[in-house]
N, C-alpha and C. Protein backbone atom coordinates (compact mmCIF):
# COMPACT_ATOMS: atom_id res chain seq x y z
N MET A 1 72.23 54.18 147.43
CA MET A 1 73.18 54.28 146.62
C MET A 1 74.39 54.37 147.35
N SER A 2 75.15 53.60 147.06
CA SER A 2 76.68 52.93 147.74
C SER A 2 77.96 54.52 147.48
N VAL A 3 78.78 54.29 148.20
CA VAL A 3 79.32 55.42 148.00
C VAL A 3 80.08 55.14 146.91
N TYR A 4 80.49 54.14 146.26
CA TYR A 4 81.34 54.21 145.13
C TYR A 4 80.06 54.60 144.14
N ASP A 5 78.68 54.40 143.90
CA ASP A 5 77.90 54.67 143.37
C ASP A 5 77.93 56.15 143.04
N TRP A 6 78.04 56.83 144.34
CA TRP A 6 77.81 58.35 143.74
C TRP A 6 78.98 58.86 143.65
N ALA A 7 80.48 58.04 143.72
CA ALA A 7 81.48 58.60 143.17
C ALA A 7 81.47 58.57 141.89
N VAL A 8 81.07 57.27 141.36
CA VAL A 8 81.04 57.45 139.66
C VAL A 8 80.04 58.23 139.13
N SER A 9 79.03 58.61 139.87
CA SER A 9 77.57 59.51 139.25
C SER A 9 78.72 60.60 138.93
N LEU A 10 79.68 61.29 139.96
CA LEU A 10 80.48 62.56 139.94
C LEU A 10 81.41 62.25 139.19
N TRP A 11 82.21 61.17 139.08
CA TRP A 11 83.51 61.19 137.83
C TRP A 11 82.39 61.36 136.40
N ARG A 12 81.67 60.68 136.39
CA ARG A 12 81.04 60.75 134.43
C ARG A 12 80.40 62.10 135.33
N THR A 13 79.92 62.96 135.49
CA THR A 13 80.14 64.29 135.04
C THR A 13 81.12 64.91 135.15
N ALA A 14 82.11 64.94 135.74
CA ALA A 14 82.61 66.16 135.66
C ALA A 14 84.13 65.64 134.40
N VAL A 15 84.13 64.42 134.33
CA VAL A 15 84.82 64.22 132.95
C VAL A 15 84.22 64.52 131.65
N PRO A 16 82.89 64.61 130.92
CA PRO A 16 82.63 65.63 130.08
C PRO A 16 82.73 67.28 130.15
N ILE A 17 82.70 67.46 131.67
CA ILE A 17 82.77 68.54 131.77
C ILE A 17 83.95 68.97 131.30
N ILE A 18 85.32 68.70 132.21
CA ILE A 18 86.92 68.56 131.71
C ILE A 18 87.37 68.84 130.82
N VAL A 19 86.54 67.46 129.82
CA VAL A 19 86.56 67.16 128.20
C VAL A 19 86.33 68.48 127.47
N GLY A 20 84.92 69.01 127.60
CA GLY A 20 84.66 70.11 126.81
C GLY A 20 85.50 71.91 127.14
N TRP A 21 85.87 71.41 128.99
CA TRP A 21 86.99 73.10 129.36
C TRP A 21 88.54 72.74 128.25
N VAL A 22 88.87 71.59 128.48
CA VAL A 22 89.88 71.65 127.33
C VAL A 22 89.85 71.91 126.01
N ALA A 23 88.47 71.27 125.13
CA ALA A 23 88.73 71.32 124.08
C ALA A 23 88.63 73.10 123.93
N ALA A 24 87.65 73.92 125.14
CA ALA A 24 87.46 75.78 124.54
C ALA A 24 88.75 75.88 125.42
N LEU A 25 89.66 76.03 125.78
CA LEU A 25 91.14 76.04 126.17
C LEU A 25 91.91 75.97 124.55
N LEU A 26 91.61 74.77 124.04
CA LEU A 26 92.51 74.57 122.41
C LEU A 26 91.72 75.84 121.52
N VAL A 27 90.23 76.12 121.47
CA VAL A 27 90.04 76.89 120.57
C VAL A 27 90.29 77.91 120.94
N GLN A 28 90.51 78.53 121.98
CA GLN A 28 91.40 80.24 122.49
C GLN A 28 93.01 79.66 121.72
N ILE A 29 93.42 79.26 122.26
CA ILE A 29 94.73 79.36 122.13
C ILE A 29 95.09 79.44 120.59
N ASN A 30 94.08 78.86 119.51
CA ASN A 30 94.14 78.75 118.20
C ASN A 30 94.67 77.43 117.80
N VAL A 31 94.49 76.47 117.82
CA VAL A 31 95.85 75.16 118.07
C VAL A 31 94.60 74.40 116.61
N ASP A 32 95.69 74.46 115.83
CA ASP A 32 94.67 73.99 114.46
C ASP A 32 95.05 72.30 114.64
N ILE A 33 93.79 71.56 114.24
CA ILE A 33 93.56 70.22 113.90
C ILE A 33 93.47 70.47 112.22
N ASP A 34 94.54 68.93 112.04
CA ASP A 34 93.68 68.89 110.88
C ASP A 34 93.19 68.09 110.31
N GLU A 35 92.39 67.85 108.95
CA GLU A 35 90.57 67.59 108.37
C GLU A 35 91.21 65.94 108.55
N THR A 36 91.60 64.97 109.08
CA THR A 36 91.87 63.65 109.34
C THR A 36 91.21 63.15 110.80
N ALA A 37 92.55 64.35 111.59
CA ALA A 37 92.05 64.18 113.05
C ALA A 37 90.67 64.94 113.29
N LEU A 38 89.95 66.02 112.49
CA LEU A 38 88.62 66.27 112.82
C LEU A 38 87.60 65.19 112.45
N SER A 39 87.97 64.66 110.92
CA SER A 39 87.17 63.94 110.88
C SER A 39 87.20 62.34 111.65
N ASN A 40 87.79 61.98 112.51
CA ASN A 40 87.99 60.56 113.09
C ASN A 40 87.21 61.35 114.41
N GLY A 41 87.52 62.26 115.30
CA GLY A 41 87.08 62.96 116.08
C GLY A 41 85.45 63.04 116.17
N LEU A 42 85.04 62.67 114.79
CA LEU A 42 83.52 63.17 114.02
C LEU A 42 82.70 62.11 114.78
N VAL A 43 83.58 61.18 113.49
CA VAL A 43 82.87 59.72 113.53
C VAL A 43 83.00 58.86 115.14
N ALA A 44 83.72 59.45 116.04
CA ALA A 44 83.83 59.05 116.83
C ALA A 44 82.69 59.11 118.13
N ALA A 45 82.77 60.57 117.20
CA ALA A 45 81.13 61.40 118.33
C ALA A 45 79.91 60.66 118.03
N PHE A 46 79.81 60.49 116.58
CA PHE A 46 78.76 59.94 115.84
C PHE A 46 77.92 58.74 116.58
N ALA A 47 79.54 57.88 116.64
CA ALA A 47 79.23 56.77 117.05
C ALA A 47 78.76 56.17 118.69
N ALA A 48 79.50 57.33 119.02
CA ALA A 48 78.83 57.39 120.53
C ALA A 48 77.63 57.93 121.11
N VAL A 49 77.18 59.16 119.98
CA VAL A 49 75.54 59.39 120.08
C VAL A 49 74.66 58.75 119.50
N TYR A 50 74.91 57.96 118.41
CA TYR A 50 74.17 56.45 117.79
C TYR A 50 74.06 55.48 118.96
N TYR A 51 75.09 55.04 119.55
CA TYR A 51 75.05 54.41 120.84
C TYR A 51 74.22 54.73 122.03
N GLY A 52 74.08 55.92 122.52
CA GLY A 52 73.28 56.53 123.22
C GLY A 52 71.53 56.80 123.18
N LEU A 53 71.71 57.46 121.44
CA LEU A 53 70.09 57.10 121.67
C LEU A 53 69.54 55.72 121.52
N PHE A 54 70.29 55.41 120.98
CA PHE A 54 69.74 53.39 121.00
C PHE A 54 69.29 52.54 121.88
N ARG A 55 70.43 52.92 122.22
CA ARG A 55 70.25 52.69 123.97
C ARG A 55 69.48 53.06 124.88
N LEU A 56 69.13 54.14 124.97
CA LEU A 56 68.05 54.92 125.75
C LEU A 56 66.79 54.65 124.83
N LEU A 57 66.79 54.90 123.42
CA LEU A 57 65.34 53.68 123.03
C LEU A 57 65.08 53.05 123.47
N GLU A 58 66.00 51.87 123.64
CA GLU A 58 65.81 50.24 123.42
C GLU A 58 65.74 50.08 125.32
N THR A 59 65.75 51.72 126.19
CA THR A 59 65.16 51.18 127.33
C THR A 59 63.94 51.69 127.27
N LYS A 60 63.86 52.49 126.99
CA LYS A 60 62.49 53.53 127.85
C LYS A 60 61.22 53.75 126.80
N ALA A 61 62.03 52.76 125.58
CA ALA A 61 60.95 52.65 124.48
C ALA A 61 60.57 51.57 124.72
N SER A 62 61.19 50.38 123.30
CA SER A 62 60.76 49.51 123.18
C SER A 62 62.57 47.99 122.86
N PRO A 63 62.42 47.30 123.64
CA PRO A 63 63.55 46.64 123.42
C PRO A 63 63.76 46.41 122.09
N GLY A 64 62.85 46.18 121.12
CA GLY A 64 63.19 46.44 119.37
C GLY A 64 64.32 46.99 119.01
N PHE A 65 64.59 48.41 119.79
CA PHE A 65 65.48 49.07 119.35
C PHE A 65 67.12 48.55 119.49
N GLY A 66 67.25 47.42 120.09
CA GLY A 66 68.30 47.04 120.46
C GLY A 66 68.53 46.33 119.47
N TRP A 67 67.37 46.10 117.81
CA TRP A 67 68.80 45.88 116.67
C TRP A 67 69.29 46.36 116.20
N PHE A 68 69.25 48.14 116.30
CA PHE A 68 70.09 48.67 115.71
C PHE A 68 71.46 49.13 116.39
N LEU A 69 71.54 47.92 117.68
CA LEU A 69 73.47 48.23 118.25
C LEU A 69 73.71 46.50 117.96
N GLY A 70 72.73 45.40 116.80
CA GLY A 70 72.90 44.51 116.68
C GLY A 70 72.19 43.19 117.50
N LEU A 71 71.81 43.44 118.47
CA LEU A 71 71.05 42.10 119.33
C LEU A 71 69.64 42.56 119.93
N ALA A 72 68.51 42.53 119.80
CA ALA A 72 66.99 43.12 120.40
C ALA A 72 67.72 42.94 121.69
N ARG A 73 68.30 42.70 122.40
CA ARG A 73 68.43 42.25 123.90
C ARG A 73 69.68 42.54 124.26
N PRO A 74 69.86 43.94 125.54
CA PRO A 74 70.93 43.91 126.40
C PRO A 74 71.40 42.78 126.65
N PRO A 75 72.86 43.46 127.34
CA PRO A 75 73.38 41.67 127.81
C PRO A 75 72.72 41.76 129.55
N THR A 76 72.61 40.90 129.98
CA THR A 76 72.49 41.22 131.70
C THR A 76 73.70 40.55 132.18
N TYR A 77 74.37 40.68 133.84
CA TYR A 77 74.68 40.59 134.13
C TYR A 77 74.37 39.63 135.69
N PRO A 78 75.20 38.80 135.82
CA PRO A 78 74.84 38.48 137.11
C PRO A 78 74.93 39.02 138.60
N GLN A 79 73.82 38.32 139.59
CA GLN A 79 74.31 39.78 140.56
C GLN A 79 75.21 38.71 141.66
N LYS A 80 76.26 39.92 142.40
CA LYS A 80 76.82 39.39 143.48
C LYS A 80 75.95 38.69 144.04
N PRO A 81 76.37 37.65 145.34
CA PRO A 81 75.66 37.21 145.57
C PRO A 81 75.86 37.98 147.69
N ALA A 82 74.86 37.84 148.46
CA ALA A 82 75.13 38.61 149.28
C ALA A 82 76.08 38.21 150.24
N LYS A 83 76.59 39.15 151.04
CA LYS A 83 77.60 39.07 151.77
C LYS A 83 77.11 38.65 153.20
N ASN A 84 78.16 37.23 153.81
CA ASN A 84 77.25 37.11 154.96
C ASN A 84 77.18 38.76 156.02
N PRO A 85 76.06 38.68 156.84
CA PRO A 85 76.69 40.03 157.59
C PRO A 85 77.44 39.77 159.18
N ASN A 86 77.69 38.23 159.21
CA ASN A 86 77.91 37.89 160.18
C ASN A 86 79.25 37.03 159.56
N PRO A 87 80.45 37.68 159.26
CA PRO A 87 80.92 35.95 159.02
C PRO A 87 81.73 34.86 159.79
N VAL A 88 82.00 35.65 161.18
CA VAL A 88 82.52 34.41 162.30
C VAL A 88 81.68 33.60 162.93
N TYR A 89 80.65 33.92 162.43
CA TYR A 89 79.38 33.03 162.93
C TYR A 89 78.01 32.29 162.33
N GLY A 90 78.13 33.28 161.50
CA GLY A 90 77.41 32.69 160.17
C GLY A 90 76.16 33.44 160.52
N THR A 91 75.32 32.92 159.25
CA THR A 91 73.98 33.70 158.97
C THR A 91 73.22 32.88 160.58
N PRO A 92 72.33 34.15 161.29
CA PRO A 92 71.50 33.87 161.83
C PRO A 92 70.48 32.89 161.56
N PRO A 93 70.03 31.89 162.18
CA PRO A 93 68.73 30.90 162.51
C PRO A 93 67.69 31.66 162.23
N VAL A 94 66.60 31.11 161.22
CA VAL A 94 65.46 32.02 160.75
C VAL A 94 64.42 30.74 161.87
């Protein structure tokens, strides 16, 4: 695992914790949220849970669950070419 991957994993853990903490603070100071904002938030939360559930099922159970996301096949991303370990002299002969 690279340092970048490690930092990304920490960031992806910290953000939900911070968002939950801020939401708890808003509840404690009695911030009123109108029904439209609450409805929009619930729609966004449902969409996130829906995507996460079917993406997990697609990965762990069967690729057929991808149809619930529009296509039965997740996207593929090209691999980066390997870096030259010795850019001055080129790759060593085999």
